Amino acid sequence: SPLPNIGDVLDNLVGSIPLDVPEALTVSGVNGGDRLIYVRQEGDPSISIVSPYEAAYSVGLVAPDPLKYGAIERAVSTNLPSSLGGLTVPFTVPFAVNSVTISGNAQVDNDGNAVTYPRILVYGPVSDARLTNVSTGETLFVNLAISAGEYLDLDFTNHTAYLNGTASRRGNVSGTWFSLAAGSNFIAFNSSAYSASASVQVIWRDAWK
């Protein structure tokens, strides 16, 4: 079959990648791993047609966010704090049953050298959830009852809150949209009432200067 005309190919290319908003660009082999940078187009592309089937194409890119991010998205989860099991009197030593403790803290390790911002999913049933960066004491309050089978998607970069990924609940959120420092961070999950099924998932990418 005949090859397409290069002019038509370039029209399709220019139309498909305007990059008006930042998109992820992967840079391979940086210190043994891939990195992501978020870039958008700057200025018009430069196009030079060499033949009916060849062309040289270049486009300028700018990164509004100067940081580089890990190519792999990382995640940890935790439930609300609780202590289950164990025995009280009249049972005595040597008879013992150990209790099981859930701290309610999620350890988030940012292996980069710059602060990064998490995305946190809060799964119901839970009311008035609180998310605290233990290192700084900064807390984000969720003044909302999240039912079983529902979740609240909190984006700490863009300060958005969406119930089940679609309905905005930004007005139900107050406090501080905290960041994750380089190294280990502990995120505490608490609520006004205990629910064994409630949980949070903290999602992040390591960040480098």
N, C-alpha and C. Protein backbone atom coordinates (compact mmCIF):
# COMPACT_ATOMS: atom_id res chain seq x y z
N SER A 1 0.85 -1.19 0.00
CA SER A 1 0.00 0.00 0.00
C SER A 1 0.89 1.24 0.00
N PRO A 2 0.43 2.35 -0.58
CA PRO A 2 1.26 3.56 -0.64
C PRO A 2 1.47 4.16 0.75
N LEU A 3 2.64 4.79 0.94
CA LEU A 3 2.94 5.44 2.21
C LEU A 3 2.13 6.74 2.33
N PRO A 4 1.73 7.12 3.54
CA PRO A 4 0.98 8.38 3.70
C PRO A 4 1.85 9.58 3.39
N ASN A 5 1.22 10.65 2.97
CA ASN A 5 1.93 11.89 2.72
C ASN A 5 2.43 12.47 4.03
N ILE A 6 3.67 12.95 4.03
CA ILE A 6 4.28 13.44 5.27
C ILE A 6 3.52 14.63 5.84
N GLY A 7 2.91 15.44 4.98
CA GLY A 7 2.14 16.58 5.48
C GLY A 7 0.96 16.15 6.32
N ASP A 8 0.26 15.09 5.89
CA ASP A 8 -0.87 14.57 6.66
C ASP A 8 -0.40 13.99 7.99
N VAL A 9 0.74 13.29 7.98
CA VAL A 9 1.29 12.71 9.20
C VAL A 9 1.62 13.80 10.21
N LEU A 10 2.26 14.88 9.73
CA LEU A 10 2.63 15.97 10.63
C LEU A 10 1.40 16.68 11.19
N ASP A 11 0.36 16.85 10.38
CA ASP A 11 -0.87 17.46 10.87
C ASP A 11 -1.45 16.64 12.02
N ASN A 12 -1.46 15.32 11.85
CA ASN A 12 -1.98 14.44 12.91
C ASN A 12 -1.10 14.51 14.16
N LEU A 13 0.23 14.58 13.95
CA LEU A 13 1.15 14.62 15.07
C LEU A 13 0.97 15.91 15.87
N VAL A 14 0.93 17.03 15.19
CA VAL A 14 0.77 18.33 15.86
C VAL A 14 -0.56 18.39 16.59
N GLY A 15 -1.60 17.82 15.99
CA GLY A 15 -2.91 17.86 16.61
C GLY A 15 -3.04 16.96 17.82
N SER A 16 -2.21 15.91 17.90
CA SER A 16 -2.36 14.93 18.98
C SER A 16 -1.50 15.25 20.20
N ILE A 17 -0.48 16.09 20.06
CA ILE A 17 0.38 16.39 21.21
C ILE A 17 0.57 17.91 21.39
N PRO A 18 -0.52 18.62 21.68
CA PRO A 18 -0.33 20.05 21.95
C PRO A 18 0.39 20.32 23.26
N LEU A 19 0.25 19.39 24.27
CA LEU A 19 0.90 19.55 25.58
C LEU A 19 0.60 20.92 26.20
N ASP A 20 -0.69 21.28 26.14
CA ASP A 20 -1.09 22.54 26.76
C ASP A 20 -0.98 22.47 28.28
N VAL A 21 -1.18 21.29 28.85
CA VAL A 21 -1.02 21.07 30.29
C VAL A 21 0.11 20.08 30.50
N PRO A 22 0.80 20.15 31.62
CA PRO A 22 1.95 19.26 31.83
C PRO A 22 1.60 17.78 31.73
N GLU A 23 2.44 17.04 31.04
CA GLU A 23 2.32 15.59 30.90
C GLU A 23 3.64 14.97 31.33
N ALA A 24 3.58 13.71 31.75
CA ALA A 24 4.77 13.02 32.24
C ALA A 24 5.70 12.63 31.10
N LEU A 25 6.99 12.93 31.28
CA LEU A 25 8.03 12.54 30.34
C LEU A 25 9.02 11.68 31.12
N THR A 26 9.30 10.47 30.63
CA THR A 26 10.20 9.55 31.31
C THR A 26 11.64 9.77 30.85
N VAL A 27 12.53 9.97 31.83
CA VAL A 27 13.97 10.07 31.56
C VAL A 27 14.61 8.80 32.11
N SER A 28 15.19 8.01 31.22
CA SER A 28 15.70 6.69 31.61
C SER A 28 17.14 6.76 32.08
N GLY A 29 17.49 5.82 32.97
CA GLY A 29 18.88 5.62 33.38
C GLY A 29 19.45 6.70 34.25
N VAL A 30 18.63 7.35 35.10
CA VAL A 30 19.14 8.39 35.99
C VAL A 30 19.50 7.73 37.32
N ASN A 31 20.79 7.71 37.64
CA ASN A 31 21.26 7.08 38.88
C ASN A 31 20.68 5.69 39.07
N GLY A 32 20.68 4.93 37.98
CA GLY A 32 20.23 3.55 38.05
C GLY A 32 18.74 3.34 37.99
N GLY A 33 17.96 4.40 37.82
CA GLY A 33 16.50 4.25 37.73
C GLY A 33 15.88 5.30 36.85
N ASP A 34 14.66 5.05 36.42
CA ASP A 34 13.95 6.02 35.59
C ASP A 34 13.35 7.13 36.45
N ARG A 35 13.21 8.31 35.87
CA ARG A 35 12.61 9.44 36.55
C ARG A 35 11.52 10.06 35.66
N LEU A 36 10.54 10.64 36.30
CA LEU A 36 9.50 11.36 35.57
C LEU A 36 9.65 12.85 35.79
N ILE A 37 9.51 13.62 34.73
CA ILE A 37 9.38 15.06 34.83
C ILE A 37 8.11 15.46 34.10
N TYR A 38 7.47 16.53 34.57
CA TYR A 38 6.19 16.94 33.98
C TYR A 38 6.43 18.19 33.14
N VAL A 39 6.17 18.07 31.84
CA VAL A 39 6.50 19.13 30.89
C VAL A 39 5.28 19.52 30.06
N ARG A 40 5.34 20.74 29.55
CA ARG A 40 4.35 21.20 28.58
C ARG A 40 5.07 21.88 27.42
N GLN A 41 4.36 22.04 26.35
CA GLN A 41 4.95 22.63 25.15
C GLN A 41 5.17 24.12 25.34
N GLU A 42 6.29 24.62 24.80
CA GLU A 42 6.57 26.05 24.81
C GLU A 42 6.82 26.50 23.38
N GLY A 43 5.96 27.38 22.89
CA GLY A 43 6.11 27.86 21.52
C GLY A 43 5.59 26.85 20.50
N ASP A 44 5.70 27.22 19.24
CA ASP A 44 5.25 26.36 18.15
C ASP A 44 6.32 25.35 17.78
N PRO A 45 5.93 24.18 17.30
CA PRO A 45 6.93 23.20 16.87
C PRO A 45 7.69 23.67 15.64
N SER A 46 8.91 23.18 15.50
CA SER A 46 9.72 23.46 14.32
C SER A 46 9.66 22.26 13.40
N ILE A 47 9.23 22.48 12.17
CA ILE A 47 9.03 21.39 11.21
C ILE A 47 9.79 21.69 9.93
N SER A 48 10.53 20.70 9.47
CA SER A 48 11.24 20.82 8.21
C SER A 48 10.97 19.57 7.38
N ILE A 49 10.32 19.73 6.24
CA ILE A 49 10.01 18.60 5.37
C ILE A 49 11.21 18.28 4.48
N VAL A 50 11.69 17.05 4.59
CA VAL A 50 12.87 16.61 3.85
C VAL A 50 12.47 16.03 2.51
N SER A 51 11.41 15.23 2.49
CA SER A 51 10.93 14.59 1.26
C SER A 51 9.44 14.31 1.47
N PRO A 52 8.75 13.78 0.46
CA PRO A 52 7.33 13.45 0.65
C PRO A 52 7.09 12.46 1.79
N TYR A 53 8.15 11.77 2.23
CA TYR A 53 7.98 10.75 3.27
C TYR A 53 8.89 10.96 4.47
N GLU A 54 9.58 12.09 4.54
CA GLU A 54 10.49 12.36 5.65
C GLU A 54 10.35 13.81 6.11
N ALA A 55 10.54 14.00 7.43
CA ALA A 55 10.50 15.35 7.98
C ALA A 55 11.28 15.37 9.28
N ALA A 56 11.78 16.54 9.63
CA ALA A 56 12.41 16.78 10.92
C ALA A 56 11.44 17.58 11.77
N TYR A 57 11.23 17.12 12.99
CA TYR A 57 10.22 17.73 13.86
C TYR A 57 10.83 17.94 15.24
N SER A 58 10.68 19.14 15.80
CA SER A 58 11.15 19.39 17.16
C SER A 58 10.19 20.34 17.85
N VAL A 59 10.12 20.20 19.17
CA VAL A 59 9.22 21.05 19.95
C VAL A 59 9.91 21.41 21.26
N GLY A 60 9.78 22.66 21.66
CA GLY A 60 10.36 23.11 22.92
C GLY A 60 9.48 22.70 24.10
N LEU A 61 10.11 22.28 25.18
CA LEU A 61 9.39 21.85 26.36
C LEU A 61 9.86 22.65 27.57
N VAL A 62 8.94 22.90 28.49
CA VAL A 62 9.27 23.58 29.74
C VAL A 62 8.65 22.79 30.88
N ALA A 63 9.35 22.72 32.02
CA ALA A 63 8.87 21.98 33.19
C ALA A 63 8.50 22.98 34.28
N PRO A 64 7.21 23.30 34.45
CA PRO A 64 6.80 24.21 35.53
C PRO A 64 7.19 23.69 36.91
N ASP A 65 7.16 22.37 37.08
CA ASP A 65 7.59 21.74 38.32
C ASP A 65 9.03 21.27 38.11
N PRO A 66 10.01 21.83 38.83
CA PRO A 66 11.41 21.49 38.56
C PRO A 66 11.85 20.13 39.11
N LEU A 67 11.00 19.48 39.89
CA LEU A 67 11.40 18.23 40.53
C LEU A 67 11.32 17.04 39.56
N LYS A 68 12.09 16.01 39.89
CA LYS A 68 12.03 14.73 39.19
C LYS A 68 11.41 13.71 40.13
N TYR A 69 10.57 12.81 39.57
CA TYR A 69 9.83 11.87 40.40
C TYR A 69 10.15 10.43 40.02
N GLY A 70 10.02 9.54 40.99
CA GLY A 70 10.22 8.12 40.72
C GLY A 70 9.21 7.62 39.70
N ALA A 71 9.66 6.77 38.79
CA ALA A 71 8.77 6.25 37.75
C ALA A 71 7.74 5.29 38.32
N ILE A 72 8.03 4.70 39.48
CA ILE A 72 7.12 3.74 40.10
C ILE A 72 6.33 4.43 41.21
N GLU A 73 5.02 4.35 41.12
CA GLU A 73 4.16 4.88 42.16
C GLU A 73 4.13 3.91 43.33
N ARG A 74 4.30 4.41 44.55
CA ARG A 74 4.37 3.57 45.73
C ARG A 74 3.13 3.76 46.60
N ALA A 75 2.81 2.77 47.44
CA ALA A 75 1.60 2.85 48.24
C ALA A 75 1.74 2.01 49.51
N VAL A 76 1.16 2.49 50.61
CA VAL A 76 1.03 1.75 51.87
C VAL A 76 -0.36 2.00 52.42
N SER A 77 -0.83 1.08 53.29
CA SER A 77 -2.18 1.20 53.84
C SER A 77 -2.15 0.97 55.35
N THR A 78 -3.19 1.46 56.02
CA THR A 78 -3.37 1.19 57.45
C THR A 78 -4.85 1.31 57.78
N ASN A 79 -5.23 0.66 58.89
CA ASN A 79 -6.58 0.79 59.42
C ASN A 79 -6.57 1.75 60.60
N LEU A 80 -7.73 1.96 61.19
CA LEU A 80 -7.79 2.78 62.40
C LEU A 80 -7.07 2.08 63.55
N PRO A 81 -6.52 2.84 64.48
CA PRO A 81 -5.80 2.21 65.60
C PRO A 81 -6.75 1.37 66.45
N SER A 82 -6.24 0.20 66.90
CA SER A 82 -7.05 -0.68 67.73
C SER A 82 -6.16 -1.66 68.45
N SER A 83 -6.71 -2.30 69.46
CA SER A 83 -6.02 -3.37 70.18
C SER A 83 -7.04 -4.47 70.42
N LEU A 84 -6.77 -5.65 69.89
CA LEU A 84 -7.72 -6.76 69.94
C LEU A 84 -7.09 -7.96 70.63
N GLY A 85 -7.89 -8.72 71.37
CA GLY A 85 -7.40 -9.96 71.96
C GLY A 85 -6.81 -9.73 73.33
N GLY A 86 -6.05 -10.74 73.82
CA GLY A 86 -5.49 -10.67 75.17
C GLY A 86 -6.49 -11.17 76.19
N LEU A 87 -6.00 -11.43 77.41
CA LEU A 87 -6.85 -11.94 78.48
C LEU A 87 -6.67 -11.12 79.74
N THR A 88 -7.69 -11.04 80.53
CA THR A 88 -7.62 -10.39 81.82
C THR A 88 -7.92 -11.42 82.91
N VAL A 89 -7.80 -11.01 84.18
CA VAL A 89 -8.09 -11.92 85.29
C VAL A 89 -9.48 -12.51 85.10
N PRO A 90 -9.72 -13.81 85.52
CA PRO A 90 -8.91 -14.58 86.47
C PRO A 90 -7.78 -15.40 85.87
N PHE A 91 -7.47 -15.24 84.59
CA PHE A 91 -6.38 -16.00 84.01
C PHE A 91 -5.04 -15.45 84.50
N THR A 92 -4.11 -16.34 84.83
CA THR A 92 -2.81 -15.92 85.35
C THR A 92 -1.70 -16.64 84.62
N VAL A 93 -0.49 -16.15 84.80
CA VAL A 93 0.69 -16.79 84.23
C VAL A 93 0.78 -18.21 84.77
N PRO A 94 1.19 -19.24 83.95
CA PRO A 94 1.78 -19.06 82.62
C PRO A 94 0.79 -19.04 81.47
N PHE A 95 -0.52 -18.96 81.75
CA PHE A 95 -1.51 -18.95 80.68
C PHE A 95 -1.61 -17.54 80.11
N ALA A 96 -1.41 -17.40 78.80
CA ALA A 96 -1.45 -16.06 78.21
C ALA A 96 -1.86 -16.13 76.75
N VAL A 97 -2.56 -15.11 76.31
CA VAL A 97 -2.89 -14.94 74.90
C VAL A 97 -2.50 -13.52 74.52
N ASN A 98 -1.65 -13.40 73.52
CA ASN A 98 -1.17 -12.08 73.12
C ASN A 98 -2.26 -11.28 72.41
N SER A 99 -2.25 -9.99 72.63
CA SER A 99 -3.16 -9.11 71.92
C SER A 99 -2.55 -8.69 70.60
N VAL A 100 -3.43 -8.23 69.70
CA VAL A 100 -2.98 -7.74 68.39
C VAL A 100 -3.25 -6.25 68.34
N THR A 101 -2.22 -5.45 68.09
CA THR A 101 -2.35 -4.00 68.07
C THR A 101 -2.16 -3.46 66.66
N ILE A 102 -3.05 -2.60 66.25
CA ILE A 102 -2.92 -1.88 64.98
C ILE A 102 -2.67 -0.41 65.33
N SER A 103 -1.53 0.12 64.91
CA SER A 103 -1.13 1.46 65.35
C SER A 103 -1.94 2.57 64.71
N GLY A 104 -2.46 2.33 63.51
CA GLY A 104 -3.12 3.40 62.78
C GLY A 104 -2.16 4.33 62.08
N ASN A 105 -0.86 3.97 62.09
CA ASN A 105 0.17 4.78 61.42
C ASN A 105 0.66 4.06 60.16
N ALA A 106 0.79 4.81 59.08
CA ALA A 106 1.38 4.28 57.85
C ALA A 106 2.76 4.89 57.66
N GLN A 107 3.77 4.03 57.52
CA GLN A 107 5.13 4.55 57.28
C GLN A 107 5.31 4.79 55.79
N VAL A 108 5.64 6.03 55.47
CA VAL A 108 5.81 6.45 54.07
C VAL A 108 7.27 6.86 53.88
N ASP A 109 8.01 6.10 53.10
CA ASP A 109 9.43 6.37 52.88
C ASP A 109 9.64 7.04 51.54
N ASN A 110 9.98 8.33 51.59
CA ASN A 110 10.32 9.09 50.39
C ASN A 110 11.82 8.95 50.19
N ASP A 111 12.23 8.12 49.24
CA ASP A 111 13.64 7.82 49.03
C ASP A 111 14.38 8.88 48.22
N GLY A 112 13.72 9.96 47.87
CA GLY A 112 14.36 11.05 47.15
C GLY A 112 15.02 12.03 48.11
N ASN A 113 15.34 13.22 47.59
CA ASN A 113 15.98 14.26 48.42
C ASN A 113 15.17 15.55 48.44
N ALA A 114 13.91 15.48 48.03
CA ALA A 114 13.04 16.66 48.02
C ALA A 114 11.66 16.27 48.53
N VAL A 115 10.91 17.26 49.01
CA VAL A 115 9.56 16.97 49.49
C VAL A 115 8.68 16.54 48.32
N THR A 116 7.71 15.70 48.62
CA THR A 116 6.73 15.29 47.64
C THR A 116 5.36 15.33 48.30
N TYR A 117 4.30 15.24 47.51
CA TYR A 117 2.95 15.33 48.05
C TYR A 117 2.21 14.03 47.78
N PRO A 118 1.46 13.54 48.78
CA PRO A 118 0.78 12.27 48.59
C PRO A 118 -0.60 12.42 47.97
N ARG A 119 -1.15 11.31 47.60
CA ARG A 119 -2.58 11.16 47.31
C ARG A 119 -3.08 10.12 48.31
N ILE A 120 -4.15 10.43 49.04
CA ILE A 120 -4.63 9.53 50.08
C ILE A 120 -6.09 9.16 49.79
N LEU A 121 -6.37 7.87 49.77
CA LEU A 121 -7.72 7.35 49.60
C LEU A 121 -8.24 6.91 50.96
N VAL A 122 -9.37 7.45 51.37
CA VAL A 122 -10.00 7.10 52.64
C VAL A 122 -11.21 6.22 52.35
N TYR A 123 -11.19 4.99 52.85
CA TYR A 123 -12.25 4.03 52.58
C TYR A 123 -13.19 3.90 53.78
N GLY A 124 -14.49 3.96 53.53
CA GLY A 124 -15.48 3.85 54.58
C GLY A 124 -15.77 2.41 54.98
N PRO A 125 -16.60 2.24 56.03
CA PRO A 125 -17.35 3.31 56.70
C PRO A 125 -16.52 4.03 57.74
N VAL A 126 -16.53 5.36 57.68
CA VAL A 126 -15.79 6.17 58.64
C VAL A 126 -16.38 7.58 58.65
N SER A 127 -16.41 8.19 59.83
CA SER A 127 -16.91 9.56 59.97
C SER A 127 -15.83 10.44 60.57
N ASP A 128 -15.75 11.67 60.08
CA ASP A 128 -14.83 12.67 60.63
C ASP A 128 -13.40 12.14 60.73
N ALA A 129 -12.89 11.65 59.62
CA ALA A 129 -11.52 11.12 59.59
C ALA A 129 -10.50 12.24 59.77
N ARG A 130 -9.38 11.88 60.38
CA ARG A 130 -8.27 12.82 60.56
C ARG A 130 -6.99 12.16 60.06
N LEU A 131 -6.23 12.91 59.27
CA LEU A 131 -4.96 12.44 58.74
C LEU A 131 -3.87 13.37 59.23
N THR A 132 -2.89 12.83 59.94
CA THR A 132 -1.87 13.66 60.57
C THR A 132 -0.48 13.22 60.15
N ASN A 133 0.34 14.20 59.73
CA ASN A 133 1.77 13.95 59.54
C ASN A 133 2.41 14.01 60.93
N VAL A 134 2.75 12.84 61.48
CA VAL A 134 3.21 12.77 62.86
C VAL A 134 4.46 13.62 63.08
N SER A 135 5.33 13.72 62.09
CA SER A 135 6.58 14.46 62.24
C SER A 135 6.36 15.95 62.43
N THR A 136 5.35 16.49 61.77
CA THR A 136 5.12 17.94 61.81
C THR A 136 3.90 18.33 62.64
N GLY A 137 3.02 17.37 62.92
CA GLY A 137 1.78 17.67 63.63
C GLY A 137 0.70 18.25 62.74
N GLU A 138 0.96 18.40 61.45
CA GLU A 138 -0.03 18.96 60.52
C GLU A 138 -1.14 17.93 60.30
N THR A 139 -2.38 18.42 60.32
CA THR A 139 -3.53 17.52 60.22
C THR A 139 -4.51 18.01 59.17
N LEU A 140 -5.03 17.07 58.40
CA LEU A 140 -6.12 17.36 57.47
C LEU A 140 -7.38 16.70 58.04
N PHE A 141 -8.45 17.50 58.17
CA PHE A 141 -9.70 17.03 58.75
C PHE A 141 -10.72 16.78 57.64
N VAL A 142 -11.39 15.65 57.71
CA VAL A 142 -12.42 15.30 56.74
C VAL A 142 -13.76 15.29 57.48
N ASN A 143 -14.52 16.35 57.35
CA ASN A 143 -15.79 16.50 58.06
C ASN A 143 -16.91 15.89 57.21
N LEU A 144 -16.91 14.56 57.15
CA LEU A 144 -17.78 13.86 56.21
C LEU A 144 -17.98 12.43 56.68
N ALA A 145 -19.18 11.89 56.50
CA ALA A 145 -19.45 10.48 56.74
C ALA A 145 -19.29 9.72 55.42
N ILE A 146 -18.32 8.83 55.37
CA ILE A 146 -18.06 8.03 54.18
C ILE A 146 -18.63 6.64 54.43
N SER A 147 -19.59 6.23 53.61
CA SER A 147 -20.29 4.97 53.83
C SER A 147 -19.45 3.78 53.39
N ALA A 148 -19.86 2.60 53.83
CA ALA A 148 -19.21 1.36 53.40
C ALA A 148 -19.31 1.25 51.88
N GLY A 149 -18.20 0.87 51.24
CA GLY A 149 -18.18 0.76 49.79
C GLY A 149 -17.84 2.05 49.08
N GLU A 150 -17.70 3.16 49.84
CA GLU A 150 -17.33 4.44 49.26
C GLU A 150 -15.91 4.81 49.66
N TYR A 151 -15.33 5.77 48.94
CA TYR A 151 -14.00 6.27 49.28
C TYR A 151 -13.89 7.74 48.92
N LEU A 152 -13.00 8.42 49.62
CA LEU A 152 -12.71 9.82 49.34
C LEU A 152 -11.29 9.91 48.82
N ASP A 153 -11.13 10.52 47.65
CA ASP A 153 -9.83 10.64 46.99
C ASP A 153 -9.28 12.04 47.26
N LEU A 154 -8.21 12.10 48.08
CA LEU A 154 -7.61 13.38 48.48
C LEU A 154 -6.30 13.58 47.74
N ASP A 155 -6.21 14.62 46.92
CA ASP A 155 -5.00 14.95 46.17
C ASP A 155 -4.30 16.11 46.88
N PHE A 156 -3.17 15.82 47.55
CA PHE A 156 -2.49 16.84 48.35
C PHE A 156 -1.69 17.81 47.49
N THR A 157 -1.50 17.51 46.21
CA THR A 157 -0.84 18.43 45.29
C THR A 157 -1.80 19.52 44.84
N ASN A 158 -2.97 19.10 44.41
CA ASN A 158 -3.94 20.03 43.83
C ASN A 158 -5.04 20.46 44.79
N HIS A 159 -5.00 19.93 46.05
CA HIS A 159 -5.97 20.28 47.08
C HIS A 159 -7.40 19.99 46.63
N THR A 160 -7.62 18.79 46.12
CA THR A 160 -8.95 18.38 45.70
C THR A 160 -9.41 17.18 46.54
N ALA A 161 -10.73 17.04 46.66
CA ALA A 161 -11.33 15.93 47.40
C ALA A 161 -12.55 15.46 46.63
N TYR A 162 -12.50 14.21 46.14
CA TYR A 162 -13.58 13.67 45.34
C TYR A 162 -14.11 12.39 45.96
N LEU A 163 -15.43 12.37 46.23
CA LEU A 163 -16.08 11.17 46.73
C LEU A 163 -16.30 10.20 45.58
N ASN A 164 -15.76 9.00 45.73
CA ASN A 164 -15.84 7.96 44.70
C ASN A 164 -15.25 8.43 43.37
N GLY A 165 -14.33 9.40 43.44
CA GLY A 165 -13.61 9.85 42.26
C GLY A 165 -14.34 10.85 41.39
N THR A 166 -15.58 11.23 41.75
CA THR A 166 -16.34 12.11 40.86
C THR A 166 -16.95 13.34 41.54
N ALA A 167 -17.56 13.15 42.71
CA ALA A 167 -18.30 14.25 43.36
C ALA A 167 -17.37 15.03 44.29
N SER A 168 -17.20 16.33 44.03
CA SER A 168 -16.30 17.14 44.85
C SER A 168 -16.85 17.30 46.26
N ARG A 169 -15.95 17.09 47.23
CA ARG A 169 -16.27 17.32 48.64
C ARG A 169 -15.21 18.23 49.26
N ARG A 170 -14.68 19.14 48.47
CA ARG A 170 -13.63 20.04 48.94
C ARG A 170 -14.10 20.87 50.12
N GLY A 171 -15.38 21.23 50.15
CA GLY A 171 -15.91 22.02 51.24
C GLY A 171 -15.97 21.28 52.56
N ASN A 172 -15.82 19.95 52.54
CA ASN A 172 -15.84 19.15 53.76
C ASN A 172 -14.44 18.90 54.32
N VAL A 173 -13.43 19.50 53.71
CA VAL A 173 -12.05 19.26 54.12
C VAL A 173 -11.46 20.56 54.66
N SER A 174 -10.76 20.46 55.79
CA SER A 174 -10.11 21.63 56.38
C SER A 174 -8.78 21.21 56.98
N GLY A 175 -8.01 22.19 57.41
CA GLY A 175 -6.71 21.89 57.98
C GLY A 175 -5.59 22.10 56.98
N THR A 176 -4.54 21.28 57.06
CA THR A 176 -3.33 21.47 56.26
C THR A 176 -3.12 20.32 55.29
N TRP A 177 -2.92 20.69 54.02
CA TRP A 177 -2.54 19.70 52.99
C TRP A 177 -1.03 19.51 53.10
N PHE A 178 -0.61 18.58 53.91
CA PHE A 178 0.81 18.44 54.24
C PHE A 178 1.61 17.73 53.15
N SER A 179 2.92 17.88 53.24
CA SER A 179 3.85 17.23 52.30
C SER A 179 4.56 16.09 52.99
N LEU A 180 5.35 15.35 52.21
CA LEU A 180 6.18 14.26 52.72
C LEU A 180 7.64 14.65 52.56
N ALA A 181 8.35 14.76 53.67
CA ALA A 181 9.77 15.12 53.61
C ALA A 181 10.59 13.95 53.07
N ALA A 182 11.80 14.25 52.64
CA ALA A 182 12.73 13.18 52.25
C ALA A 182 13.00 12.30 53.47
N GLY A 183 13.00 10.99 53.27
CA GLY A 183 13.19 10.07 54.37
C GLY A 183 11.87 9.47 54.83
N SER A 184 11.82 9.03 56.08
CA SER A 184 10.64 8.35 56.61
C SER A 184 9.62 9.35 57.16
N ASN A 185 8.36 9.13 56.82
CA ASN A 185 7.24 9.91 57.33
C ASN A 185 6.21 8.94 57.90
N PHE A 186 5.51 9.37 58.93
CA PHE A 186 4.45 8.54 59.52
C PHE A 186 3.14 9.31 59.44
N ILE A 187 2.17 8.69 58.78
CA ILE A 187 0.85 9.30 58.61
C ILE A 187 -0.14 8.57 59.51
N ALA A 188 -0.72 9.29 60.48
CA ALA A 188 -1.67 8.71 61.43
C ALA A 188 -3.09 8.87 60.91
N PHE A 189 -3.86 7.80 61.02
CA PHE A 189 -5.26 7.78 60.60
C PHE A 189 -6.13 7.62 61.85
N ASN A 190 -7.01 8.58 62.09
CA ASN A 190 -7.90 8.55 63.25
C ASN A 190 -9.31 8.97 62.84
N SER A 191 -10.26 8.69 63.74
CA SER A 191 -11.65 9.02 63.47
C SER A 191 -12.37 9.25 64.79
N SER A 192 -13.56 9.86 64.71
CA SER A 192 -14.36 10.09 65.91
C SER A 192 -14.97 8.80 66.46
N ALA A 193 -15.06 7.75 65.63
CA ALA A 193 -15.60 6.47 66.06
C ALA A 193 -14.85 5.34 65.36
N TYR A 194 -14.67 4.22 66.07
CA TYR A 194 -13.91 3.11 65.51
C TYR A 194 -14.75 2.33 64.50
N SER A 195 -14.10 1.93 63.41
CA SER A 195 -14.69 1.05 62.40
C SER A 195 -13.62 0.09 61.93
N ALA A 196 -13.87 -1.21 62.08
CA ALA A 196 -12.86 -2.21 61.72
C ALA A 196 -12.58 -2.22 60.22
N SER A 197 -13.55 -1.81 59.43
CA SER A 197 -13.39 -1.87 57.96
C SER A 197 -12.78 -0.60 57.36
N ALA A 198 -12.75 0.47 58.13
CA ALA A 198 -12.21 1.73 57.60
C ALA A 198 -10.70 1.62 57.40
N SER A 199 -10.21 2.24 56.34
CA SER A 199 -8.77 2.20 56.07
C SER A 199 -8.39 3.38 55.20
N VAL A 200 -7.09 3.62 55.12
CA VAL A 200 -6.56 4.61 54.18
C VAL A 200 -5.43 3.99 53.39
N GLN A 201 -5.27 4.45 52.18
CA GLN A 201 -4.14 4.08 51.33
C GLN A 201 -3.40 5.35 50.95
N VAL A 202 -2.11 5.40 51.28
CA VAL A 202 -1.27 6.55 50.96
C VAL A 202 -0.47 6.22 49.71
N ILE A 203 -0.58 7.05 48.70
CA ILE A 203 0.08 6.83 47.40
C ILE A 203 1.02 8.00 47.14
N TRP A 204 2.25 7.72 46.71
CA TRP A 204 3.20 8.80 46.46
C TRP A 204 4.29 8.36 45.48
N ARG A 205 5.02 9.32 44.99
CA ARG A 205 6.24 9.09 44.21
C ARG A 205 7.41 9.77 44.91
N ASP A 206 8.55 9.09 45.00
CA ASP A 206 9.75 9.71 45.52
C ASP A 206 10.12 10.91 44.66
N ALA A 207 10.73 11.94 45.26
CA ALA A 207 11.04 13.17 44.52
C ALA A 207 12.48 13.59 44.72
N TRP A 208 13.08 14.12 43.66
CA TRP A 208 14.47 14.60 43.67
C TRP A 208 14.53 16.02 43.13
N LYS A 209 15.48 16.78 43.65
CA LYS A 209 15.74 18.12 43.12
C LYS A 209 16.46 18.01 41.79
